[in-house]
Amino acid sequence: MKVDRFEDLFAWQKARELTRQIYLLSKKGHFSKDFGLRDQIQRASVSIMSNLAEGFERGSKSEFHQFIVIAKASCAEVRSQLYVAMDVGYITKEEFDYVGNLAVEVSRIIGGLKVSIQKQRNQK
């Protein structure tokens, strides 16, 4: 299947869902008042979506691959910050598990996209 728009990328769609969940979590209780952590985890989640979109729109497989790597790293950043949020009591273990598993899923999907783009780059 040919993807013509970044919105059609499954990785971007799942990253969008993750970002929504991060915003919902971080607007509650004490989390919403920890401006540093709240803003950082929101920025990191948005970075996943943004880098996938920007890389796709660059038009070259090499540049797309580079942006995919950055998106995957931002996903790891989100996962790490979720630990902080849980450790200080901003989110429950159940919330951590749900959103953390979503972040792991996004990371796996991005990893698969990375491999696919790398193969396409190697064929040229």
C-alpha atoms as a PDB file:
ATOM      1  CA  MET A   1       0.000   0.000   0.000  1.00  0.00           C
ATOM      2  CA  LYS A   2       1.366   3.371  -1.013  1.00  0.00           C
ATOM      3  CA  VAL A   3       1.219   6.060   1.638  1.00  0.00           C
ATOM      4  CA  ASP A   4       0.671   9.512   0.165  1.00  0.00           C
ATOM      5  CA  ARG A   5       0.206  11.550   3.339  1.00  0.00           C
ATOM      6  CA  PHE A   6       1.902  11.375   6.712  1.00  0.00           C
ATOM      7  CA  GLU A   7      -1.563  11.066   8.275  1.00  0.00           C
ATOM      8  CA  ASP A   8      -1.845   7.671   6.600  1.00  0.00           C
ATOM      9  CA  LEU A   9       1.226   6.328   8.416  1.00  0.00           C
ATOM     10  CA  PHE A  10       0.120   3.838  11.068  1.00  0.00           C
ATOM     11  CA  ALA A  11       3.088   4.936  13.209  1.00  0.00           C
ATOM     12  CA  TRP A  12       1.879   8.543  13.111  1.00  0.00           C
ATOM     13  CA  GLN A  13      -1.696   7.504  13.959  1.00  0.00           C
ATOM     14  CA  LYS A  14      -0.533   5.522  17.005  1.00  0.00           C
ATOM     15  CA  ALA A  15       1.802   8.364  18.040  1.00  0.00           C
ATOM     16  CA  ARG A  16      -1.183  10.696  17.878  1.00  0.00           C
ATOM     17  CA  GLU A  17      -3.103   8.374  20.193  1.00  0.00           C
ATOM     18  CA  LEU A  18      -0.140   8.274  22.595  1.00  0.00           C
ATOM     19  CA  THR A  19       0.073  12.069  22.580  1.00  0.00           C
ATOM     20  CA  ARG A  20      -3.616  12.331  23.406  1.00  0.00           C
ATOM     21  CA  GLN A  21      -3.182   9.981  26.342  1.00  0.00           C
ATOM     22  CA  ILE A  22      -0.157  11.927  27.606  1.00  0.00           C
ATOM     23  CA  TYR A  23      -2.128  15.173  27.514  1.00  0.00           C
ATOM     24  CA  LEU A  24      -5.051  13.578  29.351  1.00  0.00           C
ATOM     25  CA  LEU A  25      -2.764  12.191  32.065  1.00  0.00           C
ATOM     26  CA  SER A  26      -0.700  15.309  32.503  1.00  0.00           C
ATOM     27  CA  LYS A  27      -3.644  17.660  32.966  1.00  0.00           C
ATOM     28  CA  LYS A  28      -4.764  15.907  36.175  1.00  0.00           C
ATOM     29  CA  GLY A  29      -3.928  16.639  39.796  1.00  0.00           C
ATOM     30  CA  HIS A  30      -0.373  17.333  40.891  1.00  0.00           C
ATOM     31  CA  PHE A  31       0.953  16.334  37.464  1.00  0.00           C
ATOM     32  CA  SER A  32      -0.694  19.420  35.963  1.00  0.00           C
ATOM     33  CA  LYS A  33       1.180  21.654  38.406  1.00  0.00           C
ATOM     34  CA  ASP A  34       4.625  20.144  37.796  1.00  0.00           C
ATOM     35  CA  PHE A  35       5.270  22.433  34.860  1.00  0.00           C
ATOM     36  CA  GLY A  36       8.713  21.032  34.065  1.00  0.00           C
ATOM     37  CA  LEU A  37       7.728  17.369  33.834  1.00  0.00           C
ATOM     38  CA  ARG A  38       4.323  18.094  32.336  1.00  0.00           C
ATOM     39  CA  ASP A  39       5.720  20.308  29.593  1.00  0.00           C
ATOM     40  CA  GLN A  40       8.632  17.970  28.868  1.00  0.00           C
ATOM     41  CA  ILE A  41       6.524  14.825  28.486  1.00  0.00           C
ATOM     42  CA  GLN A  42       4.032  16.712  26.330  1.00  0.00           C
ATOM     43  CA  ARG A  43       6.828  18.064  24.122  1.00  0.00           C
ATOM     44  CA  ALA A  44       8.402  14.625  23.810  1.00  0.00           C
ATOM     45  CA  SER A  45       5.108  13.015  22.781  1.00  0.00           C
ATOM     46  CA  VAL A  46       4.399  15.753  20.238  1.00  0.00           C
ATOM     47  CA  SER A  47       7.960  15.300  18.962  1.00  0.00           C
ATOM     48  CA  ILE A  48       7.171  11.715  17.990  1.00  0.00           C
ATOM     49  CA  MET A  49       4.288  12.797  15.763  1.00  0.00           C
ATOM     50  CA  SER A  50       6.087  15.842  14.430  1.00  0.00           C
ATOM     51  CA  ASN A  51       9.268  14.037  13.452  1.00  0.00           C
ATOM     52  CA  LEU A  52       7.329  11.338  11.630  1.00  0.00           C
ATOM     53  CA  ALA A  53       5.372  13.997   9.746  1.00  0.00           C
ATOM     54  CA  GLU A  54       8.364  16.183   8.953  1.00  0.00           C
ATOM     55  CA  GLY A  55      10.547  13.276   7.903  1.00  0.00           C
ATOM     56  CA  PHE A  56       7.847  11.896   5.627  1.00  0.00           C
ATOM     57  CA  GLU A  57       7.340  15.275   3.968  1.00  0.00           C
ATOM     58  CA  ARG A  58      11.062  15.748   3.334  1.00  0.00           C
ATOM     59  CA  GLY A  59      10.718  13.408   0.389  1.00  0.00           C
ATOM     60  CA  SER A  60      13.965  11.463   0.686  1.00  0.00           C
ATOM     61  CA  LYS A  61      14.351   8.057   2.295  1.00  0.00           C
ATOM     62  CA  SER A  62      17.580   9.126   3.996  1.00  0.00           C
ATOM     63  CA  GLU A  63      16.023  12.146   5.652  1.00  0.00           C
ATOM     64  CA  PHE A  64      12.903  10.194   6.591  1.00  0.00           C
ATOM     65  CA  HIS A  65      15.094   7.551   8.219  1.00  0.00           C
ATOM     66  CA  GLN A  66      16.912  10.236  10.237  1.00  0.00           C
ATOM     67  CA  PHE A  67      13.616  11.678  11.510  1.00  0.00           C
ATOM     68  CA  ILE A  68      12.315   8.195  12.341  1.00  0.00           C
ATOM     69  CA  VAL A  69      15.366   7.670  14.562  1.00  0.00           C
ATOM     70  CA  ILE A  70      14.596  10.926  16.372  1.00  0.00           C
ATOM     71  CA  ALA A  71      10.916   9.962  16.761  1.00  0.00           C
ATOM     72  CA  LYS A  72      11.893   6.608  18.281  1.00  0.00           C
ATOM     73  CA  ALA A  73      14.221   8.352  20.726  1.00  0.00           C
ATOM     74  CA  SER A  74      11.426  10.750  21.731  1.00  0.00           C
ATOM     75  CA  CYS A  75       9.260   7.716  22.415  1.00  0.00           C
ATOM     76  CA  ALA A  76      11.911   6.411  24.813  1.00  0.00           C
ATOM     77  CA  GLU A  77      11.957   9.828  26.473  1.00  0.00           C
ATOM     78  CA  VAL A  78       8.185   9.625  27.033  1.00  0.00           C
ATOM     79  CA  ARG A  79       8.554   6.163  28.541  1.00  0.00           C
ATOM     80  CA  SER A  80      11.280   7.351  30.890  1.00  0.00           C
ATOM     81  CA  GLN A  81       9.214  10.336  32.014  1.00  0.00           C
ATOM     82  CA  LEU A  82       6.237   8.066  32.677  1.00  0.00           C
ATOM     83  CA  TYR A  83       8.399   6.303  35.267  1.00  0.00           C
ATOM     84  CA  VAL A  84       9.041   9.629  36.972  1.00  0.00           C
ATOM     85  CA  ALA A  85       5.325  10.445  36.957  1.00  0.00           C
ATOM     86  CA  MET A  86       4.516   7.085  38.519  1.00  0.00           C
ATOM     87  CA  ASP A  87       7.386   7.174  41.013  1.00  0.00           C
ATOM     88  CA  VAL A  88       6.274  10.523  42.441  1.00  0.00           C
ATOM     89  CA  GLY A  89       2.616   9.529  42.512  1.00  0.00           C
ATOM     90  CA  TYR A  90       1.269  11.633  39.660  1.00  0.00           C
ATOM     91  CA  ILE A  91      -0.124   8.577  37.889  1.00  0.00           C
ATOM     92  CA  THR A  92      -1.244   5.179  39.098  1.00  0.00           C
ATOM     93  CA  LYS A  93       0.423   1.899  38.217  1.00  0.00           C
ATOM     94  CA  GLU A  94      -2.579   1.112  36.013  1.00  0.00           C
ATOM     95  CA  GLU A  95      -2.235   4.403  34.132  1.00  0.00           C
ATOM     96  CA  PHE A  96       1.500   3.808  33.809  1.00  0.00           C
ATOM     97  CA  ASP A  97       0.905   0.308  32.440  1.00  0.00           C
ATOM     98  CA  TYR A  98      -1.711   1.437  29.937  1.00  0.00           C
ATOM     99  CA  VAL A  99       0.152   4.449  28.555  1.00  0.00           C
ATOM    100  CA  GLY A 100       3.544   2.796  28.942  1.00  0.00           C
ATOM    101  CA  ASN A 101       2.378  -0.193  26.896  1.00  0.00           C
ATOM    102  CA  LEU A 102       1.037   2.183  24.269  1.00  0.00           C
ATOM    103  CA  ALA A 103       4.446   3.905  24.164  1.00  0.00           C
ATOM    104  CA  VAL A 104       6.185   0.530  23.767  1.00  0.00           C
ATOM    105  CA  GLU A 105       3.792  -0.325  20.938  1.00  0.00           C
ATOM    106  CA  VAL A 106       4.512   2.991  19.223  1.00  0.00           C
ATOM    107  CA  SER A 107       8.237   2.362  19.596  1.00  0.00           C
ATOM    108  CA  ARG A 108       7.913  -1.095  18.013  1.00  0.00           C
ATOM    109  CA  ILE A 109       5.879   0.267  15.116  1.00  0.00           C
ATOM    110  CA  ILE A 110       8.417   3.027  14.540  1.00  0.00           C
ATOM    111  CA  GLY A 111      11.186   0.435  14.714  1.00  0.00           C
ATOM    112  CA  GLY A 112       9.468  -1.572  11.995  1.00  0.00           C
ATOM    113  CA  LEU A 113       9.082   1.543   9.869  1.00  0.00           C
ATOM    114  CA  LYS A 114      12.772   2.295  10.383  1.00  0.00           C
ATOM    115  CA  VAL A 115      13.752  -1.175   9.139  1.00  0.00           C
ATOM    116  CA  SER A 116      11.445  -0.849   6.135  1.00  0.00           C
ATOM    117  CA  ILE A 117      12.840   2.547   5.133  1.00  0.00           C
ATOM    118  CA  GLN A 118      16.407   1.283   5.637  1.00  0.00           C
ATOM    119  CA  LYS A 119      15.712  -1.612   3.261  1.00  0.00           C
ATOM    120  CA  GLN A 120      14.310   0.810   0.689  1.00  0.00           C
ATOM    121  CA  ARG A 121      17.411   2.983   1.073  1.00  0.00           C
ATOM    122  CA  ASN A 122      19.682  -0.033   0.567  1.00  0.00           C
ATOM    123  CA  GLN A 123      17.887  -1.056  -2.639  1.00  0.00           C
ATOM    124  CA  LYS A 124      18.818   2.163  -4.379  1.00  0.00           C
END
